[in-house]
Protein backbone atom coordinates (compact mmCIF):
# COMPACT_ATOMS: atom_id res chain seq x y z
CA MET A 1 68.64 39.54 49.29
CA VAL A 2 70.70 37.81 51.93
CA THR A 3 73.63 35.49 50.90
CA ILE A 4 75.71 33.21 53.10
CA THR A 5 78.94 32.94 51.01
CA MET A 6 81.40 30.84 52.73
CA VAL A 7 83.60 30.99 49.48
CA LEU A 8 82.64 32.71 46.42
CA ALA A 9 85.03 30.97 44.13
CA PRO A 10 88.07 28.64 44.43
CA MET A 11 90.49 31.46 43.94
CA LEU A 12 88.67 33.62 46.48
CA ALA A 13 88.73 30.55 48.84
CA ALA A 14 92.55 30.64 48.83
CA ALA A 15 92.55 34.27 49.44
CA ALA A 16 90.11 33.97 52.18
CA SER A 17 91.93 31.17 53.82
CA SER A 18 95.15 33.21 54.11
CA SER A 19 93.46 35.85 56.46
CA LEU A 20 90.66 33.92 58.09
CA PRO A 21 90.73 30.51 60.07
CA SER A 22 88.72 27.74 58.57
CA PRO A 23 85.75 26.27 60.60
CA ALA A 24 86.48 23.19 62.48
CA PRO A 25 85.34 19.89 60.99
CA LEU A 26 81.84 18.87 62.18
CA HIS A 27 80.27 15.69 62.93
CA PRO A 28 76.92 15.11 61.36
CA ALA A 29 75.19 11.65 61.67
CA PRO A 30 75.14 9.30 58.66
CA LEU A 31 72.13 9.86 56.52
CA ALA A 32 71.01 6.26 57.27
CA THR A 33 70.78 7.29 60.96
CA HIS A 34 68.40 9.98 60.01
CA ARG A 35 66.35 7.76 57.54
CA ALA A 36 65.98 5.27 60.62
CA ALA A 37 65.11 7.89 63.19
CA CYS A 38 62.36 9.51 60.89
CA ALA A 39 61.00 6.28 59.35
CA GLY A 40 57.14 6.73 59.14
CA LYS A 41 57.60 10.11 60.96
CA ASP A 42 57.36 13.73 59.57
CA GLY A 43 56.05 15.62 62.45
CA TRP A 44 56.97 19.11 63.45
CA SER A 45 58.72 18.10 66.56
CA ASP A 46 59.76 14.56 65.99
CA PRO A 47 63.65 14.44 66.64
CA ALA A 48 66.13 13.73 64.11
CA PRO A 49 69.92 13.70 64.21
CA PRO A 50 71.96 16.50 62.31
CA VAL A 51 72.95 15.68 58.77
CA ARG A 52 75.18 17.51 56.41
CA ILE A 53 73.45 18.73 53.14
CA PHE A 54 76.39 20.04 51.41
CA ALA A 55 79.76 21.80 52.26
CA ASN A 56 79.20 23.95 55.41
CA VAL A 57 75.39 23.48 55.50
CA TYR A 58 73.70 21.27 57.84
CA ASP A 59 69.88 20.28 58.78
CA ILE A 60 69.68 20.25 62.33
CA GLY A 61 65.79 20.40 62.39
CA THR A 62 63.24 17.62 62.95
CA CYS A 63 61.69 14.90 60.74
CA GLY A 64 59.32 17.39 59.18
CA ILE A 65 60.95 20.75 59.54
CA THR A 66 64.03 22.01 58.26
CA VAL A 67 66.49 24.06 60.50
CA LEU A 68 69.58 25.00 58.86
CA LEU A 69 72.88 25.66 60.36
CA ILE A 70 75.56 27.29 58.31
CA ALA A 71 78.97 26.93 59.65
CA GLY A 72 81.78 29.74 59.19
CA ASP A 73 85.06 31.09 60.49
CA ARG A 74 83.35 33.60 62.91
CA GLY A 75 80.64 31.22 64.07
CA ALA A 76 77.46 29.91 62.87
CA ALA A 77 74.18 31.07 61.36
CA VAL A 78 70.97 29.19 61.86
CA ILE A 79 67.78 29.70 59.77
CA ASP A 80 64.39 28.60 61.68
CA ALA A 81 64.03 27.05 64.81
CA ALA A 82 60.91 24.46 64.41
CA THR A 83 58.62 24.34 67.22
CA ALA A 84 59.02 25.29 70.85
CA GLU A 85 59.02 21.42 71.73
CA ALA A 86 61.94 20.81 69.30
CA ALA A 87 64.17 23.52 70.79
CA PRO A 88 65.96 20.85 73.02
CA ALA A 89 66.54 18.43 70.39
CA ILE A 90 67.93 21.22 68.16
CA LEU A 91 70.30 22.39 70.81
CA ALA A 92 71.35 18.68 71.24
CA ASN A 93 72.05 18.52 67.49
CA ILE A 94 74.19 21.66 67.74
CA ARG A 95 76.38 19.88 70.49
CA ARG A 96 76.42 16.63 68.33
CA LEU A 97 77.82 18.40 65.44
CA GLY A 98 80.77 19.54 67.92
CA LEU A 99 79.60 23.14 68.36
CA ALA A 100 78.46 24.94 71.52
CA PRO A 101 75.15 26.93 71.26
CA ARG A 102 77.23 30.00 71.88
CA ASP A 103 79.03 29.29 68.79
CA VAL A 104 75.77 30.25 66.93
CA LYS A 105 75.75 34.14 66.31
CA LEU A 106 72.89 34.58 63.98
CA LEU A 107 69.32 33.38 63.93
CA LEU A 108 67.26 33.97 61.08
CA ALA A 109 63.49 32.86 59.70
CA SER A 110 61.68 31.84 56.67
CA HIS A 111 58.45 32.75 58.03
CA GLU A 112 56.57 33.73 61.12
CA HIS A 113 54.59 30.46 61.86
CA ALA A 114 54.97 28.30 65.13
CA ASP A 115 56.25 25.37 63.17
CA HIS A 116 59.18 27.37 61.92
CA VAL A 117 59.84 30.01 64.51
CA GLY A 118 58.08 28.51 67.63
CA GLY A 119 61.54 27.65 69.05
CA LEU A 120 63.11 31.00 68.22
CA ALA A 121 62.95 32.29 71.73
CA ALA A 122 64.42 29.26 73.36
CA LEU A 123 67.20 29.33 70.85
CA ARG A 124 68.00 33.01 71.38
CA ARG A 125 67.98 32.44 75.02
CA ALA A 126 70.31 29.42 74.81
CA THR A 127 72.86 30.77 72.07
CA GLY A 128 72.85 34.59 72.89
CA ALA A 129 72.60 34.90 68.94
CA SER A 130 71.04 37.93 67.52
CA VAL A 131 67.69 37.60 65.75
CA VAL A 132 67.82 39.23 62.47
CA ALA A 133 64.43 39.70 60.53
CA THR A 134 62.62 41.78 57.96
CA ALA A 135 60.25 44.52 59.09
CA ALA A 136 57.34 42.22 57.65
CA GLN A 137 58.33 39.55 60.12
CA ARG A 138 59.23 41.49 62.99
CA HIS A 139 55.80 42.26 64.49
CA ALA A 140 54.63 38.49 64.48
CA LEU A 141 57.89 37.37 65.74
CA GLU A 142 57.78 39.62 68.74
CA ARG A 143 54.12 39.16 69.39
CA GLY A 144 54.28 35.37 68.90
CA GLN A 145 51.46 35.19 66.50
CA PRO A 146 50.46 35.86 62.79
CA THR A 147 49.69 39.43 61.62
CA ALA A 148 46.05 40.32 60.58
CA THR A 149 46.83 40.03 56.97
CA ASP A 150 48.18 36.29 57.29
CA PRO A 151 45.87 33.82 55.45
CA GLN A 152 46.37 31.58 58.38
CA ARG A 153 45.70 33.71 61.15
CA GLY A 154 42.97 32.22 63.66
CA GLY A 155 43.41 28.78 62.17
CA THR A 156 45.16 25.87 63.47
CA LEU A 157 48.62 27.33 64.05
CA PRO A 158 49.19 27.74 67.56
CA PRO A 159 50.53 30.98 69.04
CA PHE A 160 54.41 30.87 70.17
CA ALA A 161 56.70 32.63 72.60
CA GLY A 162 57.63 35.81 71.00
CA THR A 163 61.19 37.20 71.02
CA GLU A 164 62.87 40.50 70.38
CA VAL A 165 64.35 41.40 66.98
CA ASP A 166 67.81 42.69 67.42
CA ARG A 167 68.17 43.93 63.82
CA VAL A 168 65.49 44.77 61.01
CA ILE A 169 67.00 44.25 57.38
CA ARG A 170 65.58 45.35 54.13
CA ASP A 171 64.87 43.00 51.13
CA GLY A 172 68.10 42.46 49.17
CA GLU A 173 70.31 43.54 52.31
CA ALA A 174 73.29 41.28 52.96
CA VAL A 175 74.04 39.93 56.60
CA THR A 176 77.55 38.85 57.18
CA LEU A 177 79.48 36.91 59.82
CA GLY A 178 83.16 36.57 59.18
CA SER A 179 83.29 35.01 55.60
CA LEU A 180 79.57 34.06 55.71
CA ARG A 181 77.40 36.30 53.59
CA LEU A 182 73.71 35.66 53.54
CA THR A 183 71.14 37.66 51.31
CA ALA A 184 67.40 37.86 52.24
CA HIS A 185 64.71 38.00 49.55
CA SER A 186 61.25 39.04 50.40
CA THR A 187 58.83 36.30 48.81
CA PRO A 188 55.66 37.13 50.48
CA GLY A 189 52.50 34.84 49.88
CA HIS A 190 52.42 31.68 52.16
CA ALA A 191 52.88 34.48 55.01
CA PRO A 192 53.33 38.12 54.77
CA GLY A 193 56.65 37.90 56.05
CA SER A 194 58.06 35.02 53.98
CA THR A 195 61.62 35.56 53.09
CA SER A 196 63.87 33.34 51.05
CA TRP A 197 67.61 33.17 51.64
CA THR A 198 70.61 32.40 49.30
CA TRP A 199 74.23 32.12 49.35
CA THR A 200 77.11 30.28 47.94
CA SER A 201 78.78 27.33 49.80
CA CYS A 202 81.95 25.35 48.52
CA ALA A 203 83.43 22.00 49.16
CA GLY A 204 86.91 22.29 47.76
CA ARG A 205 86.44 23.42 44.16
CA ALA A 206 82.80 22.31 43.98
CA CYS A 207 80.68 25.43 44.52
CA ARG A 208 76.82 25.67 44.76
CA ARG A 209 74.44 28.47 44.83
CA VAL A 210 72.13 27.38 47.67
CA ALA A 211 68.61 28.65 48.04
CA TYR A 212 66.68 28.28 51.22
CA ALA A 213 63.40 29.12 49.29
CA ASP A 214 60.47 29.78 51.39
CA SER A 215 57.12 27.96 51.28
CA VAL A 216 55.03 28.56 48.50
CA SER A 217 51.91 26.89 49.30
CA ALA A 218 48.47 28.88 49.16
CA VAL A 219 47.44 27.64 52.63
CA SER A 220 44.76 29.55 54.70
CA THR A 221 41.91 29.18 57.34
CA ASP A 222 38.56 27.78 56.05
CA ALA A 223 37.02 31.21 56.14
CA TYR A 224 39.84 32.94 53.91
CA ARG A 225 39.19 33.33 50.43
CA PHE A 226 42.22 34.43 48.23
CA THR A 227 39.81 35.84 45.61
CA ASP A 228 38.74 38.28 48.21
CA HIS A 229 42.07 39.67 48.65
CA PRO A 230 43.44 40.58 45.05
CA ALA A 231 46.27 42.56 46.15
CA TYR A 232 47.58 40.03 48.20
CA VAL A 233 47.27 37.50 45.28
CA ARG A 234 49.14 39.85 43.07
CA THR A 235 52.00 40.10 45.68
CA PHE A 236 51.85 36.39 45.95
CA ARG A 237 52.41 36.04 42.25
CA MET A 238 55.20 38.66 42.26
CA ALA A 239 56.81 36.64 45.07
CA LEU A 240 56.69 33.29 43.10
CA ALA A 241 58.40 35.05 40.21
CA ARG A 242 61.22 36.12 42.52
CA VAL A 243 61.50 32.62 43.78
CA ALA A 244 61.97 31.43 40.13
CA ALA A 245 64.52 33.96 39.56
CA LEU A 246 66.59 33.36 42.76
CA PRO A 247 70.39 32.30 42.09
CA CYS A 248 69.88 28.57 42.74
CA ASP A 249 71.52 25.19 42.09
CA LEU A 250 70.59 23.45 45.43
CA ILE A 251 67.17 24.27 46.82
CA ILE A 252 66.32 23.60 50.31
CA THR A 253 62.76 24.28 51.69
CA PRO A 254 61.41 24.72 55.25
CA HIS A 255 59.46 21.62 54.87
CA PRO A 256 62.05 18.87 53.56
CA GLY A 257 59.51 17.03 51.67
CA ALA A 258 58.24 20.15 49.51
CA SER A 259 61.67 19.83 47.66
CA ASP A 260 62.26 16.16 48.22
CA LEU A 261 65.39 17.02 50.25
CA TYR A 262 66.16 13.63 51.79
CA GLN A 263 65.49 11.48 48.55
CA ARG A 264 67.96 13.68 46.80
CA LEU A 265 70.42 13.47 49.65
CA ALA A 266 69.90 9.80 49.37
CA GLY A 267 70.69 9.85 45.70
CA ALA A 268 67.14 9.05 44.47
CA LYS A 269 66.79 12.30 42.81
CA PRO A 270 69.53 14.77 41.59
CA LEU A 271 70.74 16.91 44.47
CA THR A 272 71.08 19.83 42.33
CA SER A 273 69.51 21.32 39.39
CA PRO A 274 69.88 24.55 37.27
CA THR A 275 66.07 24.81 37.17
CA ALA A 276 65.60 23.84 40.92
CA CYS A 277 63.86 27.18 42.04
CA ARG A 278 61.73 27.61 38.75
CA ASP A 279 60.34 24.22 39.11
CA TYR A 280 59.41 24.84 42.96
CA ALA A 281 57.92 28.19 41.91
CA ALA A 282 55.85 26.55 39.28
CA THR A 283 54.58 24.16 41.77
CA GLY A 284 53.60 27.06 43.96
CA ARG A 285 51.98 28.89 41.00
CA SER A 286 49.98 25.85 39.97
CA GLY A 287 48.69 25.35 43.62
CA LEU A 288 47.61 29.04 43.74
CA ASP A 289 45.88 28.91 40.52
CA ALA A 290 44.02 25.60 41.62
CA ARG A 291 42.86 27.22 44.92
CA LEU A 292 41.63 30.32 42.90
CA ALA A 293 39.67 27.92 40.58
CA ARG A 294 38.10 26.03 43.48
CA GLU A 295 37.03 29.25 45.06
CA ALA A 296 35.39 30.41 41.82
CA ARG A 297 33.30 27.33 41.78
CA ARG A 298 31.87 27.79 45.42
């Protein structure tokens, strides 16, 4: 597990502020500007302005792909990188917030598909940040293509520019950057290296347990049958149980539509929920069950 904790609790916040400088205020776009830019668009590379999700957490990604920036007192961590085509817009979003690319010190990933890590190599070059990944992600990130056990290998996902992984972490290991503390949770299924991330962020005395829960959809090439891979299905089900158990008030997902992120930011739905991750995992479980049932009828 990797948790980005800017502040664990209000009392700890006060203690931390006495010894660590606070991150400078950033300058996200209004949500209305994002909605106007993405009206009728949800493409992987469609540019979108940066918006604040909560406290020190910002989406600097595209209309259809989440890229998170978590700001701290010793720099920023970024989770995911969208596509190679989106990299210039992501770097522009970092600058628009008021940061320099070199302020990004950590680059992390949800899973090893081109729509989420295609721009990772470009971000690493531009920022000089360390790429931190699990062993299950490393091979694909460095080679630029899914591994042989990935249900989507050989399908429509394009290859991407590989990049060196600077540090390999274990499931449950914490990555820290100043007062930021991120916890990585191995949740394989959508991809073999699927990783979810949790942390706590606070805006004043309002603290939220944030979960960047990886994709839970049972997607594959036309030739792949989950029923032919029972061990993978068992692993997938265990991962869904882990997603359901994540410490989670505020859920964010690599595809923002999968968790209605922008509807929630707009107030059309509650931003937080004590059952957010359980509900998300239940959706994944239903999708996997439906996929297996379709395969059984063929």
